[in-house]
Amino acid sequence: MAVFTPVTLDDFRAWAAQFPIGEALAIKGIASGIENSNFFATTSTGEYVLTIFEKLTFEQLPFYLNLMRHLAERGVLVPAPIASRAGALITPLHGKPASLVTKLEGSHQMAPGPVHCAAVGDMLARMHLAARDFPMQQPNLRGIDWWNETTPVVLPFLDDSNQHLLRAEMHFQESFAATPASHHLPRGPIHADLFRNNVMFDGERLTGFFDFYFAGCDSWLFDVAVTVNDWCIDLDDGTLDAGRVRAMLESYHKVRPFTADEHTAWQPLLRAAALRFWLSRLYDLHLPRDAELLTPHDPSHFERILRERIAHAAPPLY
């Protein structure tokens, strides 16, 4: 993610001494994203990812890190948090909460085919099922309450057409959220940000999901919608690729069959997933924070996706 809080090798050596990871050898900032300060860290025992949390608090972070540990212990391919010798998963660095996790092998698959989408769908369903007995609760912090808070903040920056789109979609989503189908959707911990750059592959073999720091408890189908809206689209115009959609949904359904209420909710949640990221990108573009390395994302990408989901019916759930 963007580097808001610089860390030198000497800083890392001093901080890493509390972990059973050997000698600190190198550290390098990761110049993508906009939420936390992330670094590739190398020690004599292996490679890790160091994260300094710029927004999340010491009180909020146990949910994310314990969820990752819970999933890793159940065979879901995720980074494993490293505990300090005192047993802590979160320790301060430069006065901010920080964590260390194992680094996944492989690389991003930025031009996925059906085989990659099928692998993601399978692991996403396994992740949802594996988290059913996770005892901690935290809402999706970028859910509908956040949409309502953020909409009036970003509206003044929009032209008339996009103001109308945003107001109309918020009305639609609030109305759908009050329906029985919405209330009956299966729920639990979700990743909530499973884009192509948050998954690693070695060829066609999926090696892991990472960056769980938007995770929260919400409908599983919203997680599927977020994932489909990134993995199964034409990036230029936001249209869905039927073959990739089918591969992901069939693979997911084989592990966890979709319910009747989820069939009803599918189109609204594809729209909700587009709205959530349009709003966050608008906010980050128009109200940015300073960062040593910062690359804001283009909001118009998710505006196009939202308009496309409103205008055209999605392929049905499996």
C-alpha atoms as a PDB file:
ATOM      1  CA  MET A   1       0.000   0.000   0.000  1.00  0.00           C
ATOM      2  CA  ALA A   2       1.090   3.631  -0.059  1.00  0.00           C
ATOM      3  CA  VAL A   3       3.931   4.571   2.290  1.00  0.00           C
ATOM      4  CA  PHE A   4       2.612   7.153   4.734  1.00  0.00           C
ATOM      5  CA  THR A   5       5.066   6.203   7.507  1.00  0.00           C
ATOM      6  CA  PRO A   6       8.645   5.596   6.310  1.00  0.00           C
ATOM      7  CA  VAL A   7      10.611   2.755   7.910  1.00  0.00           C
ATOM      8  CA  THR A   8      14.380   2.440   7.636  1.00  0.00           C
ATOM      9  CA  LEU A   9      16.293  -0.822   7.965  1.00  0.00           C
ATOM     10  CA  ASP A  10      17.487   0.310  11.399  1.00  0.00           C
ATOM     11  CA  ASP A  11      13.868   0.964  12.399  1.00  0.00           C
ATOM     12  CA  PHE A  12      12.904  -2.491  11.214  1.00  0.00           C
ATOM     13  CA  ARG A  13      15.826  -4.191  12.963  1.00  0.00           C
ATOM     14  CA  ALA A  14      14.893  -2.654  16.300  1.00  0.00           C
ATOM     15  CA  TRP A  15      11.201  -3.507  15.897  1.00  0.00           C
ATOM     16  CA  ALA A  16      11.797  -7.022  14.535  1.00  0.00           C
ATOM     17  CA  ALA A  17      13.939  -8.011  17.505  1.00  0.00           C
ATOM     18  CA  GLN A  18      10.755  -8.881  19.417  1.00  0.00           C
ATOM     19  CA  PHE A  19       9.824 -11.575  16.856  1.00  0.00           C
ATOM     20  CA  PRO A  20      11.326 -15.056  16.334  1.00  0.00           C
ATOM     21  CA  ILE A  21      12.264 -14.296  12.717  1.00  0.00           C
ATOM     22  CA  GLY A  22      16.057 -14.138  12.782  1.00  0.00           C
ATOM     23  CA  GLU A  23      18.174 -11.215  11.635  1.00  0.00           C
ATOM     24  CA  ALA A  24      16.537  -8.334   9.747  1.00  0.00           C
ATOM     25  CA  LEU A  25      18.277  -7.962   6.374  1.00  0.00           C
ATOM     26  CA  ALA A  26      16.212  -5.652   4.138  1.00  0.00           C
ATOM     27  CA  ILE A  27      13.012  -3.645   3.901  1.00  0.00           C
ATOM     28  CA  LYS A  28      11.326  -2.047   0.885  1.00  0.00           C
ATOM     29  CA  GLY A  29       8.155   0.052   0.646  1.00  0.00           C
ATOM     30  CA  ILE A  30       5.262  -1.179  -1.499  1.00  0.00           C
ATOM     31  CA  ALA A  31       4.038   1.690  -3.673  1.00  0.00           C
ATOM     32  CA  SER A  32       0.436   0.749  -4.401  1.00  0.00           C
ATOM     33  CA  GLY A  33      -2.889   1.316  -2.692  1.00  0.00           C
ATOM     34  CA  ILE A  34      -4.039   4.074  -0.398  1.00  0.00           C
ATOM     35  CA  GLU A  35      -4.869   2.747   3.090  1.00  0.00           C
ATOM     36  CA  ASN A  36      -1.794   1.503   4.982  1.00  0.00           C
ATOM     37  CA  SER A  37       1.994   1.594   4.822  1.00  0.00           C
ATOM     38  CA  ASN A  38       3.222  -1.800   3.608  1.00  0.00           C
ATOM     39  CA  PHE A  39       6.736  -3.125   3.190  1.00  0.00           C
ATOM     40  CA  PHE A  40       8.423  -6.266   1.939  1.00  0.00           C
ATOM     41  CA  ALA A  41      10.710  -7.377   4.774  1.00  0.00           C
ATOM     42  CA  THR A  42      13.522  -9.907   4.470  1.00  0.00           C
ATOM     43  CA  THR A  43      15.130 -11.679   7.400  1.00  0.00           C
ATOM     44  CA  SER A  44      17.473 -14.615   7.804  1.00  0.00           C
ATOM     45  CA  THR A  45      14.452 -16.913   8.169  1.00  0.00           C
ATOM     46  CA  GLY A  46      12.444 -15.759   5.126  1.00  0.00           C
ATOM     47  CA  GLU A  47      10.299 -13.047   3.574  1.00  0.00           C
ATOM     48  CA  TYR A  48       7.449 -11.231   5.275  1.00  0.00           C
ATOM     49  CA  VAL A  49       5.105  -8.286   4.838  1.00  0.00           C
ATOM     50  CA  LEU A  50       5.178  -5.516   7.436  1.00  0.00           C
ATOM     51  CA  THR A  51       2.065  -3.333   7.675  1.00  0.00           C
ATOM     52  CA  ILE A  52       1.720  -0.080   9.578  1.00  0.00           C
ATOM     53  CA  PHE A  53      -1.946   0.790   9.956  1.00  0.00           C
ATOM     54  CA  GLU A  54      -2.756   4.412   9.202  1.00  0.00           C
ATOM     55  CA  LYS A  55      -6.502   4.378   9.933  1.00  0.00           C
ATOM     56  CA  LEU A  56      -7.333   1.183  11.817  1.00  0.00           C
ATOM     57  CA  THR A  57      -6.853   1.294  15.568  1.00  0.00           C
ATOM     58  CA  PHE A  58      -5.330  -1.092  18.096  1.00  0.00           C
ATOM     59  CA  GLU A  59      -8.902  -1.894  19.150  1.00  0.00           C
ATOM     60  CA  GLN A  60     -10.114  -2.720  15.615  1.00  0.00           C
ATOM     61  CA  LEU A  61      -7.146  -4.764  14.411  1.00  0.00           C
ATOM     62  CA  PRO A  62      -7.585  -7.984  16.423  1.00  0.00           C
ATOM     63  CA  PHE A  63     -10.578  -8.865  14.223  1.00  0.00           C
ATOM     64  CA  TYR A  64      -8.515  -8.820  11.021  1.00  0.00           C
ATOM     65  CA  LEU A  65      -5.411 -10.556  12.276  1.00  0.00           C
ATOM     66  CA  ASN A  66      -7.224 -13.225  14.264  1.00  0.00           C
ATOM     67  CA  LEU A  67      -9.458 -13.871  11.247  1.00  0.00           C
ATOM     68  CA  MET A  68      -6.379 -14.454   9.098  1.00  0.00           C
ATOM     69  CA  ARG A  69      -4.921 -16.810  11.698  1.00  0.00           C
ATOM     70  CA  HIS A  70      -8.284 -18.625  11.989  1.00  0.00           C
ATOM     71  CA  LEU A  71      -8.449 -19.108   8.205  1.00  0.00           C
ATOM     72  CA  ALA A  72      -4.819 -20.194   7.884  1.00  0.00           C
ATOM     73  CA  GLU A  73      -5.323 -22.828  10.583  1.00  0.00           C
ATOM     74  CA  ARG A  74      -8.247 -24.238   8.556  1.00  0.00           C
ATOM     75  CA  GLY A  75      -6.360 -24.596   5.295  1.00  0.00           C
ATOM     76  CA  VAL A  76      -7.459 -21.391   3.570  1.00  0.00           C
ATOM     77  CA  LEU A  77      -4.555 -19.921   1.621  1.00  0.00           C
ATOM     78  CA  VAL A  78      -3.896 -16.615   3.419  1.00  0.00           C
ATOM     79  CA  PRO A  79      -0.835 -14.988   5.022  1.00  0.00           C
ATOM     80  CA  ALA A  80      -0.215 -16.207   8.550  1.00  0.00           C
ATOM     81  CA  PRO A  81       0.271 -13.469  11.166  1.00  0.00           C
ATOM     82  CA  ILE A  82       3.509 -13.750  13.147  1.00  0.00           C
ATOM     83  CA  ALA A  83       3.195 -13.380  16.905  1.00  0.00           C
ATOM     84  CA  SER A  84       5.879 -11.672  18.941  1.00  0.00           C
ATOM     85  CA  ARG A  85       7.694 -13.651  21.597  1.00  0.00           C
ATOM     86  CA  ALA A  86       5.169 -12.174  24.017  1.00  0.00           C
ATOM     87  CA  GLY A  87       2.312 -13.549  21.914  1.00  0.00           C
ATOM     88  CA  ALA A  88       1.173 -10.228  20.413  1.00  0.00           C
ATOM     89  CA  LEU A  89      -0.029  -9.987  16.805  1.00  0.00           C
ATOM     90  CA  ILE A  90      -0.105  -6.170  16.925  1.00  0.00           C
ATOM     91  CA  THR A  91       2.812  -4.100  18.217  1.00  0.00           C
ATOM     92  CA  PRO A  92       3.533  -0.362  17.868  1.00  0.00           C
ATOM     93  CA  LEU A  93       6.014   0.989  15.323  1.00  0.00           C
ATOM     94  CA  HIS A  94       6.538   4.749  15.136  1.00  0.00           C
ATOM     95  CA  GLY A  95       3.591   5.057  17.517  1.00  0.00           C
ATOM     96  CA  LYS A  96       1.185   3.276  15.182  1.00  0.00           C
ATOM     97  CA  PRO A  97      -0.141  -0.301  15.232  1.00  0.00           C
ATOM     98  CA  ALA A  98       1.886  -2.672  13.087  1.00  0.00           C
ATOM     99  CA  SER A  99       1.858  -6.355  12.172  1.00  0.00           C
ATOM    100  CA  LEU A 100       4.034  -8.890  10.410  1.00  0.00           C
ATOM    101  CA  VAL A 101       2.668 -11.697   8.217  1.00  0.00           C
ATOM    102  CA  THR A 102       4.160 -14.352   5.979  1.00  0.00           C
ATOM    103  CA  LYS A 103       4.667 -13.399   2.338  1.00  0.00           C
ATOM    104  CA  LEU A 104       2.737 -15.427  -0.231  1.00  0.00           C
ATOM    105  CA  GLU A 105       4.562 -16.939  -3.190  1.00  0.00           C
ATOM    106  CA  GLY A 106       3.662 -16.192  -6.796  1.00  0.00           C
ATOM    107  CA  SER A 107       2.451 -13.008  -8.460  1.00  0.00           C
ATOM    108  CA  HIS A 108      -0.733 -11.170  -9.385  1.00  0.00           C
ATOM    109  CA  GLN A 109      -2.796 -12.491 -12.304  1.00  0.00           C
ATOM    110  CA  MET A 110      -3.913  -9.256 -13.944  1.00  0.00           C
ATOM    111  CA  ALA A 111      -5.308 -10.891 -17.099  1.00  0.00           C
ATOM    112  CA  PRO A 112      -7.352 -13.755 -15.632  1.00  0.00           C
ATOM    113  CA  GLY A 113      -9.039 -16.441 -17.653  1.00  0.00           C
ATOM    114  CA  PRO A 114     -11.835 -18.804 -16.612  1.00  0.00           C
ATOM    115  CA  VAL A 115      -9.370 -21.163 -14.909  1.00  0.00           C
ATOM    116  CA  HIS A 116      -8.170 -18.386 -12.595  1.00  0.00           C
ATOM    117  CA  CYS A 117     -11.716 -17.219 -11.870  1.00  0.00           C
ATOM    118  CA  ALA A 118     -12.740 -20.779 -11.028  1.00  0.00           C
ATOM    119  CA  ALA A 119      -9.861 -21.076  -8.556  1.00  0.00           C
ATOM    120  CA  VAL A 120     -10.836 -17.786  -6.898  1.00  0.00           C
ATOM    121  CA  GLY A 121     -14.499 -18.837  -6.663  1.00  0.00           C
ATOM    122  CA  ASP A 122     -13.572 -22.147  -5.054  1.00  0.00           C
ATOM    123  CA  MET A 123     -11.266 -20.587  -2.452  1.00  0.00           C
ATOM    124  CA  LEU A 124     -13.708 -17.769  -1.711  1.00  0.00           C
ATOM    125  CA  ALA A 125     -16.455 -20.269  -0.876  1.00  0.00           C
ATOM    126  CA  ARG A 126     -14.038 -22.267   1.283  1.00  0.00           C
ATOM    127  CA  MET A 127     -13.032 -19.074   3.061  1.00  0.00           C
ATOM    128  CA  HIS A 128     -16.655 -18.186   3.825  1.00  0.00           C
ATOM    129  CA  LEU A 129     -17.367 -21.649   5.233  1.00  0.00           C
ATOM    130  CA  ALA A 130     -14.127 -21.764   7.224  1.00  0.00           C
ATOM    131  CA  ALA A 131     -15.022 -18.477   8.950  1.00  0.00           C
ATOM    132  CA  ARG A 132     -18.480 -19.607  10.101  1.00  0.00           C
ATOM    133  CA  ASP A 133     -17.183 -20.459  13.577  1.00  0.00           C
ATOM    134  CA  PHE A 134     -14.952 -17.392  13.895  1.00  0.00           C
ATOM    135  CA  PRO A 135     -16.031 -15.955  17.263  1.00  0.00           C
ATOM    136  CA  MET A 136     -15.271 -12.262  16.752  1.00  0.00           C
ATOM    137  CA  GLN A 137     -17.748  -9.788  15.236  1.00  0.00           C
ATOM    138  CA  GLN A 138     -17.138  -6.564  13.381  1.00  0.00           C
ATOM    139  CA  PRO A 139     -19.395  -4.902  10.816  1.00  0.00           C
ATOM    140  CA  ASN A 140     -18.274  -4.112   7.294  1.00  0.00           C
ATOM    141  CA  LEU A 141     -16.872  -0.632   7.960  1.00  0.00           C
ATOM    142  CA  ARG A 142     -17.440   0.317   4.306  1.00  0.00           C
ATOM    143  CA  GLY A 143     -21.055  -0.856   4.289  1.00  0.00           C
ATOM    144  CA  ILE A 144     -24.259   1.089   3.847  1.00  0.00           C
ATOM    145  CA  ASP A 145     -23.767   3.256   6.953  1.00  0.00           C
ATOM    146  CA  TRP A 146     -20.467   4.476   5.524  1.00  0.00           C
ATOM    147  CA  TRP A 147     -22.112   5.058   2.118  1.00  0.00           C
ATOM    148  CA  ASN A 148     -24.664   7.327   3.800  1.00  0.00           C
ATOM    149  CA  GLU A 149     -21.913   9.244   5.608  1.00  0.00           C
ATOM    150  CA  THR A 150     -19.746   9.604   2.510  1.00  0.00           C
ATOM    151  CA  THR A 151     -22.357  10.517  -0.102  1.00  0.00           C
ATOM    152  CA  PRO A 152     -22.957  14.099   1.093  1.00  0.00           C
ATOM    153  CA  VAL A 153     -19.186  14.619   1.397  1.00  0.00           C
ATOM    154  CA  VAL A 154     -18.411  13.716  -2.240  1.00  0.00           C
ATOM    155  CA  LEU A 155     -21.577  15.064  -3.903  1.00  0.00           C
ATOM    156  CA  PRO A 156     -20.264  18.658  -4.241  1.00  0.00           C
ATOM    157  CA  PHE A 157     -17.369  17.391  -6.387  1.00  0.00           C
ATOM    158  CA  LEU A 158     -19.654  15.694  -8.949  1.00  0.00           C
ATOM    159  CA  ASP A 159     -21.311  17.031 -12.072  1.00  0.00           C
ATOM    160  CA  ASP A 160     -25.103  16.992 -12.345  1.00  0.00           C
ATOM    161  CA  SER A 161     -25.238  13.607 -14.080  1.00  0.00           C
ATOM    162  CA  ASN A 162     -23.151  11.850 -11.453  1.00  0.00           C
ATOM    163  CA  GLN A 163     -24.949  13.593  -8.597  1.00  0.00           C
ATOM    164  CA  HIS A 164     -28.201  12.200  -9.965  1.00  0.00           C
ATOM    165  CA  LEU A 165     -26.654   8.731 -10.351  1.00  0.00           C
ATOM    166  CA  LEU A 166     -25.320   8.704  -6.800  1.00  0.00           C
ATOM    167  CA  ARG A 167     -28.555   9.915  -5.204  1.00  0.00           C
ATOM    168  CA  ALA A 168     -30.669   7.466  -7.213  1.00  0.00           C
ATOM    169  CA  GLU A 169     -28.428   4.508  -6.431  1.00  0.00           C
ATOM    170  CA  MET A 170     -28.359   5.301  -2.727  1.00  0.00           C
ATOM    171  CA  HIS A 171     -32.163   5.368  -2.750  1.00  0.00           C
ATOM    172  CA  PHE A 172     -32.221   2.022  -4.556  1.00  0.00           C
ATOM    173  CA  GLN A 173     -29.762   0.417  -2.136  1.00  0.00           C
ATOM    174  CA  GLU A 174     -31.546   1.690   0.971  1.00  0.00           C
ATOM    175  CA  SER A 175     -34.832   0.331  -0.387  1.00  0.00           C
ATOM    176  CA  PHE A 176     -33.317  -3.057  -1.179  1.00  0.00           C
ATOM    177  CA  ALA A 177     -31.626  -3.269   2.229  1.00  0.00           C
ATOM    178  CA  ALA A 178     -35.103  -3.141   3.807  1.00  0.00           C
ATOM    179  CA  THR A 179     -36.428  -6.166   1.859  1.00  0.00           C
ATOM    180  CA  PRO A 180     -36.850  -9.704   3.282  1.00  0.00           C
ATOM    181  CA  ALA A 181     -34.428 -11.079   0.679  1.00  0.00           C
ATOM    182  CA  SER A 182     -31.698  -8.752   1.942  1.00  0.00           C
ATOM    183  CA  HIS A 183     -32.368  -9.643   5.578  1.00  0.00           C
ATOM    184  CA  HIS A 184     -32.211 -13.397   4.873  1.00  0.00           C
ATOM    185  CA  LEU A 185     -28.894 -13.453   3.016  1.00  0.00           C
ATOM    186  CA  PRO A 186     -26.293 -15.822   4.521  1.00  0.00           C
ATOM    187  CA  ARG A 187     -23.717 -13.782   6.390  1.00  0.00           C
ATOM    188  CA  GLY A 188     -20.365 -14.020   8.067  1.00  0.00           C
ATOM    189  CA  PRO A 189     -16.830 -12.642   7.819  1.00  0.00           C
ATOM    190  CA  ILE A 190     -15.980 -11.542   4.270  1.00  0.00           C
ATOM    191  CA  HIS A 191     -12.828 -10.260   2.587  1.00  0.00           C
ATOM    192  CA  ALA A 192     -14.703  -7.315   0.975  1.00  0.00           C
ATOM    193  CA  ASP A 193     -11.796  -6.258  -1.278  1.00  0.00           C
ATOM    194  CA  LEU A 194     -10.804  -9.364  -3.255  1.00  0.00           C
ATOM    195  CA  PHE A 195      -9.448  -7.640  -6.364  1.00  0.00           C
ATOM    196  CA  ARG A 196      -6.866  -9.122  -8.731  1.00  0.00           C
ATOM    197  CA  ASN A 197      -4.058  -7.383  -6.849  1.00  0.00           C
ATOM    198  CA  ASN A 198      -5.095  -9.073  -3.579  1.00  0.00           C
ATOM    199  CA  VAL A 199      -4.679 -12.628  -4.881  1.00  0.00           C
ATOM    200  CA  MET A 200      -1.511 -14.493  -5.809  1.00  0.00           C
ATOM    201  CA  PHE A 201      -1.030 -17.190  -8.431  1.00  0.00           C
ATOM    202  CA  ASP A 202       1.823 -19.420  -9.522  1.00  0.00           C
ATOM    203  CA  GLY A 203       0.779 -20.087 -13.109  1.00  0.00           C
ATOM    204  CA  GLU A 204      -2.761 -21.443 -12.824  1.00  0.00           C
ATOM    205  CA  ARG A 205      -2.306 -22.441  -9.157  1.00  0.00           C
ATOM    206  CA  LEU A 206      -3.827 -20.046  -6.638  1.00  0.00           C
ATOM    207  CA  THR A 207      -1.348 -19.456  -3.823  1.00  0.00           C
ATOM    208  CA  GLY A 208      -3.338 -17.145  -1.580  1.00  0.00           C
ATOM    209  CA  PHE A 209      -5.640 -14.256  -0.716  1.00  0.00           C
ATOM    210  CA  PHE A 210      -4.203 -11.320   1.217  1.00  0.00           C
ATOM    211  CA  ASP A 211      -4.937  -7.764   2.443  1.00  0.00           C
ATOM    212  CA  PHE A 212      -7.840  -8.535   4.760  1.00  0.00           C
ATOM    213  CA  TYR A 213      -7.942  -5.042   6.241  1.00  0.00           C
ATOM    214  CA  PHE A 214     -11.359  -4.196   4.794  1.00  0.00           C
ATOM    215  CA  ALA A 215     -12.836  -7.462   6.102  1.00  0.00           C
ATOM    216  CA  GLY A 216     -15.994  -7.441   8.196  1.00  0.00           C
ATOM    217  CA  CYS A 217     -19.221  -9.300   8.746  1.00  0.00           C
ATOM    218  CA  ASP A 218     -21.619  -8.878   5.838  1.00  0.00           C
ATOM    219  CA  SER A 219     -23.463 -11.002   3.313  1.00  0.00           C
ATOM    220  CA  TRP A 220     -21.327 -13.601   1.566  1.00  0.00           C
ATOM    221  CA  LEU A 221     -22.979 -12.637  -1.717  1.00  0.00           C
ATOM    222  CA  PHE A 222     -21.671  -9.070  -1.416  1.00  0.00           C
ATOM    223  CA  ASP A 223     -18.171 -10.583  -1.280  1.00  0.00           C
ATOM    224  CA  VAL A 224     -18.923 -12.585  -4.425  1.00  0.00           C
ATOM    225  CA  ALA A 225     -20.234  -9.444  -6.155  1.00  0.00           C
ATOM    226  CA  VAL A 226     -17.111  -7.428  -5.283  1.00  0.00           C
ATOM    227  CA  THR A 227     -14.967 -10.231  -6.668  1.00  0.00           C
ATOM    228  CA  VAL A 228     -16.951 -10.711  -9.884  1.00  0.00           C
ATOM    229  CA  ASN A 229     -16.911  -6.947 -10.525  1.00  0.00           C
ATOM    230  CA  ASP A 230     -13.122  -7.059 -10.719  1.00  0.00           C
ATOM    231  CA  TRP A 231     -12.137 -10.525 -11.935  1.00  0.00           C
ATOM    232  CA  CYS A 232     -14.826 -11.084 -14.565  1.00  0.00           C
ATOM    233  CA  ILE A 233     -15.035  -7.807 -16.478  1.00  0.00           C
ATOM    234  CA  ASP A 234     -13.668  -5.964 -19.459  1.00  0.00           C
ATOM    235  CA  LEU A 235     -11.558  -3.332 -17.724  1.00  0.00           C
ATOM    236  CA  ASP A 236     -12.208  -0.758 -20.452  1.00  0.00           C
ATOM    237  CA  ASP A 237     -15.994  -0.655 -20.275  1.00  0.00           C
ATOM    238  CA  GLY A 238     -16.983  -2.646 -17.167  1.00  0.00           C
ATOM    239  CA  THR A 239     -19.032  -5.251 -19.042  1.00  0.00           C
ATOM    240  CA  LEU A 240     -19.148  -8.743 -17.590  1.00  0.00           C
ATOM    241  CA  ASP A 241     -17.390 -11.581 -19.377  1.00  0.00           C
ATOM    242  CA  ALA A 242     -19.940 -14.424 -19.326  1.00  0.00           C
ATOM    243  CA  GLY A 243     -17.328 -17.192 -19.437  1.00  0.00           C
ATOM    244  CA  ARG A 244     -15.356 -15.884 -16.489  1.00  0.00           C
ATOM    245  CA  VAL A 245     -18.527 -15.137 -14.505  1.00  0.00           C
ATOM    246  CA  ARG A 246     -19.818 -18.657 -15.101  1.00  0.00           C
ATOM    247  CA  ALA A 247     -16.480 -20.221 -14.120  1.00  0.00           C
ATOM    248  CA  MET A 248     -16.336 -18.300 -10.835  1.00  0.00           C
ATOM    249  CA  LEU A 249     -19.970 -18.812  -9.856  1.00  0.00           C
ATOM    250  CA  GLU A 250     -20.069 -22.524 -10.728  1.00  0.00           C
ATOM    251  CA  SER A 251     -16.873 -23.145  -8.783  1.00  0.00           C
ATOM    252  CA  TYR A 252     -18.189 -21.244  -5.768  1.00  0.00           C
ATOM    253  CA  HIS A 253     -21.589 -22.980  -5.929  1.00  0.00           C
ATOM    254  CA  LYS A 254     -19.990 -26.446  -5.876  1.00  0.00           C
ATOM    255  CA  VAL A 255     -18.523 -25.638  -2.458  1.00  0.00           C
ATOM    256  CA  ARG A 256     -21.382 -23.534  -1.044  1.00  0.00           C
ATOM    257  CA  PRO A 257     -24.662 -23.608  -2.990  1.00  0.00           C
ATOM    258  CA  PHE A 258     -26.419 -20.283  -3.460  1.00  0.00           C
ATOM    259  CA  THR A 259     -29.794 -19.775  -1.762  1.00  0.00           C
ATOM    260  CA  ALA A 260     -33.077 -18.557  -3.264  1.00  0.00           C
ATOM    261  CA  ASP A 261     -32.672 -15.188  -1.527  1.00  0.00           C
ATOM    262  CA  GLU A 262     -29.218 -14.833  -3.031  1.00  0.00           C
ATOM    263  CA  HIS A 263     -30.658 -15.322  -6.518  1.00  0.00           C
ATOM    264  CA  THR A 264     -33.044 -12.434  -5.785  1.00  0.00           C
ATOM    265  CA  ALA A 265     -30.257 -10.250  -4.418  1.00  0.00           C
ATOM    266  CA  TRP A 266     -27.650 -10.879  -7.098  1.00  0.00           C
ATOM    267  CA  GLN A 267     -28.279  -7.884  -9.353  1.00  0.00           C
ATOM    268  CA  PRO A 268     -28.743  -5.397  -6.477  1.00  0.00           C
ATOM    269  CA  LEU A 269     -25.522  -6.552  -4.832  1.00  0.00           C
ATOM    270  CA  LEU A 270     -23.520  -6.265  -8.043  1.00  0.00           C
ATOM    271  CA  ARG A 271     -24.710  -2.656  -8.069  1.00  0.00           C
ATOM    272  CA  ALA A 272     -23.901  -2.275  -4.365  1.00  0.00           C
ATOM    273  CA  ALA A 273     -20.373  -3.563  -4.900  1.00  0.00           C
ATOM    274  CA  ALA A 274     -19.812  -1.041  -7.699  1.00  0.00           C
ATOM    275  CA  LEU A 275     -21.260   1.782  -5.596  1.00  0.00           C
ATOM    276  CA  ARG A 276     -19.036   0.990  -2.618  1.00  0.00           C
ATOM    277  CA  PHE A 277     -15.830   1.345  -4.645  1.00  0.00           C
ATOM    278  CA  TRP A 278     -17.041   4.315  -6.665  1.00  0.00           C
ATOM    279  CA  LEU A 279     -17.672   6.125  -3.383  1.00  0.00           C
ATOM    280  CA  SER A 280     -14.330   5.196  -1.831  1.00  0.00           C
ATOM    281  CA  ARG A 281     -12.408   6.241  -4.946  1.00  0.00           C
ATOM    282  CA  LEU A 282     -14.278   9.529  -5.109  1.00  0.00           C
ATOM    283  CA  TYR A 283     -13.419  10.178  -1.485  1.00  0.00           C
ATOM    284  CA  ASP A 284      -9.748   9.283  -1.918  1.00  0.00           C
ATOM    285  CA  LEU A 285      -9.434  11.418  -5.059  1.00  0.00           C
ATOM    286  CA  HIS A 286     -11.101  14.546  -3.736  1.00  0.00           C
ATOM    287  CA  LEU A 287     -10.032  14.352  -0.086  1.00  0.00           C
ATOM    288  CA  PRO A 288      -6.563  12.786  -0.304  1.00  0.00           C
ATOM    289  CA  ARG A 289      -4.036  12.286   2.443  1.00  0.00           C
ATOM    290  CA  ASP A 290      -0.351  13.036   1.998  1.00  0.00           C
ATOM    291  CA  ALA A 291       1.810   9.975   1.421  1.00  0.00           C
ATOM    292  CA  GLU A 292       5.397   9.305   0.443  1.00  0.00           C
ATOM    293  CA  LEU A 293       4.154   6.956  -2.282  1.00  0.00           C
ATOM    294  CA  LEU A 294       0.541   7.371  -3.319  1.00  0.00           C
ATOM    295  CA  THR A 295      -1.366   6.348  -6.429  1.00  0.00           C
ATOM    296  CA  PRO A 296      -5.071   7.271  -6.222  1.00  0.00           C
ATOM    297  CA  HIS A 297      -7.418   5.113  -8.275  1.00  0.00           C
ATOM    298  CA  ASP A 298      -9.717   6.478 -10.980  1.00  0.00           C
ATOM    299  CA  PRO A 299     -13.327   6.743  -9.722  1.00  0.00           C
ATOM    300  CA  SER A 300     -14.724   6.717 -13.271  1.00  0.00           C
ATOM    301  CA  HIS A 301     -13.873   3.004 -13.544  1.00  0.00           C
ATOM    302  CA  PHE A 302     -16.521   2.106 -10.971  1.00  0.00           C
ATOM    303  CA  GLU A 303     -18.900   4.753 -12.244  1.00  0.00           C
ATOM    304  CA  ARG A 304     -18.850   2.869 -15.579  1.00  0.00           C
ATOM    305  CA  ILE A 305     -19.357  -0.464 -13.827  1.00  0.00           C
ATOM    306  CA  LEU A 306     -22.285   0.886 -11.811  1.00  0.00           C
ATOM    307  CA  ARG A 307     -23.971   2.315 -14.915  1.00  0.00           C
ATOM    308  CA  GLU A 308     -23.405  -0.989 -16.704  1.00  0.00           C
ATOM    309  CA  ARG A 309     -24.935  -3.030 -13.859  1.00  0.00           C
ATOM    310  CA  ILE A 310     -27.971  -0.746 -13.792  1.00  0.00           C
ATOM    311  CA  ALA A 311     -28.464  -0.916 -17.556  1.00  0.00           C
ATOM    312  CA  HIS A 312     -27.922  -4.646 -18.173  1.00  0.00           C
ATOM    313  CA  ALA A 313     -28.959  -7.801 -16.368  1.00  0.00           C
ATOM    314  CA  ALA A 314     -26.074  -9.895 -15.062  1.00  0.00           C
ATOM    315  CA  PRO A 315     -25.686 -13.581 -15.853  1.00  0.00           C
ATOM    316  CA  PRO A 316     -27.752 -15.443 -13.245  1.00  0.00           C
ATOM    317  CA  LEU A 317     -26.258 -17.221 -10.279  1.00  0.00           C
ATOM    318  CA  TYR A 318     -25.536 -20.886 -10.867  1.00  0.00           C
END
